[in-house]
Amino acid sequence: MTAVPEIKISPSRISAWKECPRRYAWRNICKIVVPAHPSAALGTDVHKQLEKYMQGEALDFTRL
């Protein structure tokens, strides 16, 4: 008998499943990573740098 993998359920995962079951399966079951859009990646990097600044750490401008 094969073991069934445990799947975590959350409101956002249910919403993702309802939006597109195939995309949900690719991302959450097959673990296929979709690269972030360049503008989203920039926003993430800026946010991380602002967090560091607010915590008093040195800024790394090579990431921006």
N, C-alpha and C. Protein backbone atom coordinates (compact mmCIF):
# COMPACT_ATOMS: atom_id res chain seq x y z
N MET A 1 0.84 -1.18 0.00
CA MET A 1 0.00 0.00 0.00
C MET A 1 0.89 1.25 0.00
N THR A 2 0.61 2.19 -0.87
CA THR A 2 1.40 3.42 -0.95
C THR A 2 0.89 4.45 0.04
N ALA A 3 1.84 5.17 0.60
CA ALA A 3 1.47 6.23 1.55
C ALA A 3 1.00 7.45 0.78
N VAL A 4 -0.04 8.06 1.29
CA VAL A 4 -0.58 9.27 0.69
C VAL A 4 0.11 10.46 1.35
N PRO A 5 0.71 11.36 0.56
CA PRO A 5 1.39 12.50 1.18
C PRO A 5 0.41 13.42 1.91
N GLU A 6 0.87 13.94 3.03
CA GLU A 6 0.03 14.85 3.80
C GLU A 6 0.03 16.22 3.13
N ILE A 7 -1.14 16.76 2.89
CA ILE A 7 -1.27 18.07 2.25
C ILE A 7 -1.85 19.03 3.27
N LYS A 8 -1.16 20.16 3.44
CA LYS A 8 -1.65 21.17 4.37
C LYS A 8 -2.74 21.99 3.69
N ILE A 9 -3.82 22.22 4.41
CA ILE A 9 -4.96 22.97 3.88
C ILE A 9 -5.02 24.33 4.57
N SER A 10 -5.21 25.37 3.76
CA SER A 10 -5.38 26.71 4.30
C SER A 10 -6.36 27.44 3.38
N PRO A 11 -6.93 28.56 3.84
CA PRO A 11 -7.83 29.32 2.98
C PRO A 11 -7.19 29.75 1.66
N SER A 12 -5.92 30.14 1.71
CA SER A 12 -5.27 30.57 0.47
C SER A 12 -5.04 29.40 -0.47
N ARG A 13 -4.76 28.21 0.05
CA ARG A 13 -4.59 27.03 -0.81
C ARG A 13 -5.92 26.61 -1.43
N ILE A 14 -6.98 26.71 -0.67
CA ILE A 14 -8.30 26.39 -1.22
C ILE A 14 -8.65 27.37 -2.33
N SER A 15 -8.38 28.64 -2.10
CA SER A 15 -8.63 29.66 -3.11
C SER A 15 -7.81 29.39 -4.38
N ALA A 16 -6.54 29.02 -4.20
CA ALA A 16 -5.67 28.71 -5.34
C ALA A 16 -6.21 27.51 -6.11
N TRP A 17 -6.69 26.50 -5.39
CA TRP A 17 -7.26 25.31 -6.03
C TRP A 17 -8.50 25.68 -6.84
N LYS A 18 -9.36 26.52 -6.26
CA LYS A 18 -10.58 26.92 -6.96
C LYS A 18 -10.26 27.74 -8.21
N GLU A 19 -9.19 28.55 -8.14
CA GLU A 19 -8.81 29.38 -9.28
C GLU A 19 -8.28 28.54 -10.43
N CYS A 20 -7.39 27.59 -10.13
CA CYS A 20 -6.82 26.74 -11.18
C CYS A 20 -6.23 25.47 -10.55
N PRO A 21 -6.96 24.37 -10.57
CA PRO A 21 -6.48 23.13 -9.95
C PRO A 21 -5.14 22.64 -10.50
N ARG A 22 -4.91 22.81 -11.79
CA ARG A 22 -3.65 22.34 -12.37
C ARG A 22 -2.47 23.17 -11.85
N ARG A 23 -2.62 24.50 -11.82
CA ARG A 23 -1.54 25.34 -11.31
C ARG A 23 -1.29 25.03 -9.84
N TYR A 24 -2.36 24.79 -9.07
CA TYR A 24 -2.21 24.41 -7.66
C TYR A 24 -1.36 23.14 -7.55
N ALA A 25 -1.68 22.14 -8.37
CA ALA A 25 -0.94 20.88 -8.33
C ALA A 25 0.52 21.07 -8.70
N TRP A 26 0.79 21.86 -9.73
CA TRP A 26 2.18 22.10 -10.14
C TRP A 26 2.98 22.74 -9.01
N ARG A 27 2.40 23.74 -8.36
CA ARG A 27 3.13 24.47 -7.34
C ARG A 27 3.19 23.75 -6.00
N ASN A 28 2.10 23.11 -5.58
CA ASN A 28 2.03 22.57 -4.23
C ASN A 28 2.26 21.07 -4.12
N ILE A 29 2.04 20.35 -5.18
CA ILE A 29 2.24 18.90 -5.14
C ILE A 29 3.54 18.54 -5.86
N CYS A 30 3.73 19.05 -7.07
CA CYS A 30 4.94 18.76 -7.85
C CYS A 30 6.11 19.65 -7.44
N LYS A 31 5.84 20.71 -6.68
CA LYS A 31 6.85 21.64 -6.19
C LYS A 31 7.62 22.32 -7.33
N ILE A 32 6.93 22.67 -8.41
CA ILE A 32 7.54 23.42 -9.50
C ILE A 32 7.57 24.89 -9.10
N VAL A 33 8.77 25.46 -9.10
CA VAL A 33 8.95 26.84 -8.66
C VAL A 33 8.80 27.78 -9.87
N VAL A 34 7.96 28.78 -9.71
CA VAL A 34 7.75 29.77 -10.76
C VAL A 34 8.56 31.00 -10.38
N PRO A 35 9.50 31.43 -11.25
CA PRO A 35 10.30 32.61 -10.89
C PRO A 35 9.44 33.86 -10.77
N ALA A 36 9.82 34.72 -9.85
CA ALA A 36 9.07 35.96 -9.64
C ALA A 36 9.28 36.91 -10.82
N HIS A 37 8.28 37.71 -11.09
CA HIS A 37 8.38 38.75 -12.11
C HIS A 37 9.46 39.72 -11.66
N PRO A 38 10.24 40.28 -12.59
CA PRO A 38 11.33 41.19 -12.18
C PRO A 38 10.90 42.33 -11.27
N SER A 39 9.73 42.91 -11.51
CA SER A 39 9.30 44.01 -10.64
C SER A 39 8.94 43.49 -9.25
N ALA A 40 8.41 42.28 -9.16
CA ALA A 40 8.10 41.70 -7.84
C ALA A 40 9.39 41.38 -7.10
N ALA A 41 10.40 40.89 -7.82
CA ALA A 41 11.68 40.59 -7.19
C ALA A 41 12.34 41.87 -6.67
N LEU A 42 12.25 42.95 -7.44
CA LEU A 42 12.80 44.23 -7.00
C LEU A 42 12.08 44.70 -5.73
N GLY A 43 10.77 44.60 -5.72
CA GLY A 43 10.00 45.00 -4.54
C GLY A 43 10.39 44.21 -3.31
N THR A 44 10.61 42.91 -3.48
CA THR A 44 11.05 42.07 -2.37
C THR A 44 12.41 42.50 -1.86
N ASP A 45 13.34 42.78 -2.79
CA ASP A 45 14.67 43.23 -2.39
C ASP A 45 14.63 44.56 -1.66
N VAL A 46 13.83 45.50 -2.15
CA VAL A 46 13.70 46.81 -1.49
C VAL A 46 13.13 46.63 -0.09
N HIS A 47 12.12 45.79 0.04
CA HIS A 47 11.50 45.54 1.34
C HIS A 47 12.52 44.97 2.33
N LYS A 48 13.33 44.01 1.87
CA LYS A 48 14.34 43.42 2.75
C LYS A 48 15.36 44.47 3.20
N GLN A 49 15.77 45.34 2.27
CA GLN A 49 16.73 46.38 2.62
C GLN A 49 16.13 47.37 3.63
N LEU A 50 14.86 47.71 3.46
CA LEU A 50 14.21 48.61 4.41
C LEU A 50 14.10 47.98 5.79
N GLU A 51 13.83 46.67 5.83
CA GLU A 51 13.80 45.96 7.11
C GLU A 51 15.15 46.05 7.80
N LYS A 52 16.23 45.81 7.03
CA LYS A 52 17.57 45.89 7.60
C LYS A 52 17.85 47.30 8.12
N TYR A 53 17.47 48.30 7.34
CA TYR A 53 17.68 49.70 7.74
C TYR A 53 16.96 50.00 9.06
N MET A 54 15.73 49.54 9.17
CA MET A 54 14.93 49.81 10.37
C MET A 54 15.51 49.08 11.59
N GLN A 55 16.23 47.98 11.36
CA GLN A 55 16.84 47.23 12.46
C GLN A 55 18.25 47.72 12.76
N GLY A 56 18.71 48.74 12.02
CA GLY A 56 20.03 49.31 12.27
C GLY A 56 21.17 48.57 11.60
N GLU A 57 20.86 47.67 10.69
CA GLU A 57 21.91 46.93 10.00
C GLU A 57 22.41 47.71 8.79
N ALA A 58 23.56 47.31 8.26
CA ALA A 58 24.13 47.95 7.08
C ALA A 58 23.32 47.58 5.85
N LEU A 59 23.17 48.53 4.96
CA LEU A 59 22.42 48.30 3.72
C LEU A 59 23.33 47.69 2.66
N ASP A 60 22.76 46.84 1.81
CA ASP A 60 23.50 46.21 0.72
C ASP A 60 22.91 46.69 -0.59
N PHE A 61 23.52 47.71 -1.19
CA PHE A 61 22.99 48.29 -2.41
C PHE A 61 23.31 47.47 -3.65
N THR A 62 24.10 46.42 -3.51
CA THR A 62 24.41 45.57 -4.66
C THR A 62 23.20 44.73 -5.06
N ARG A 63 22.22 44.58 -4.19
CA ARG A 63 21.02 43.78 -4.46
C ARG A 63 19.96 44.57 -5.20
N LEU A 64 20.10 45.90 -5.26
CA LEU A 64 19.07 46.73 -5.89
C LEU A 64 19.42 47.10 -7.29
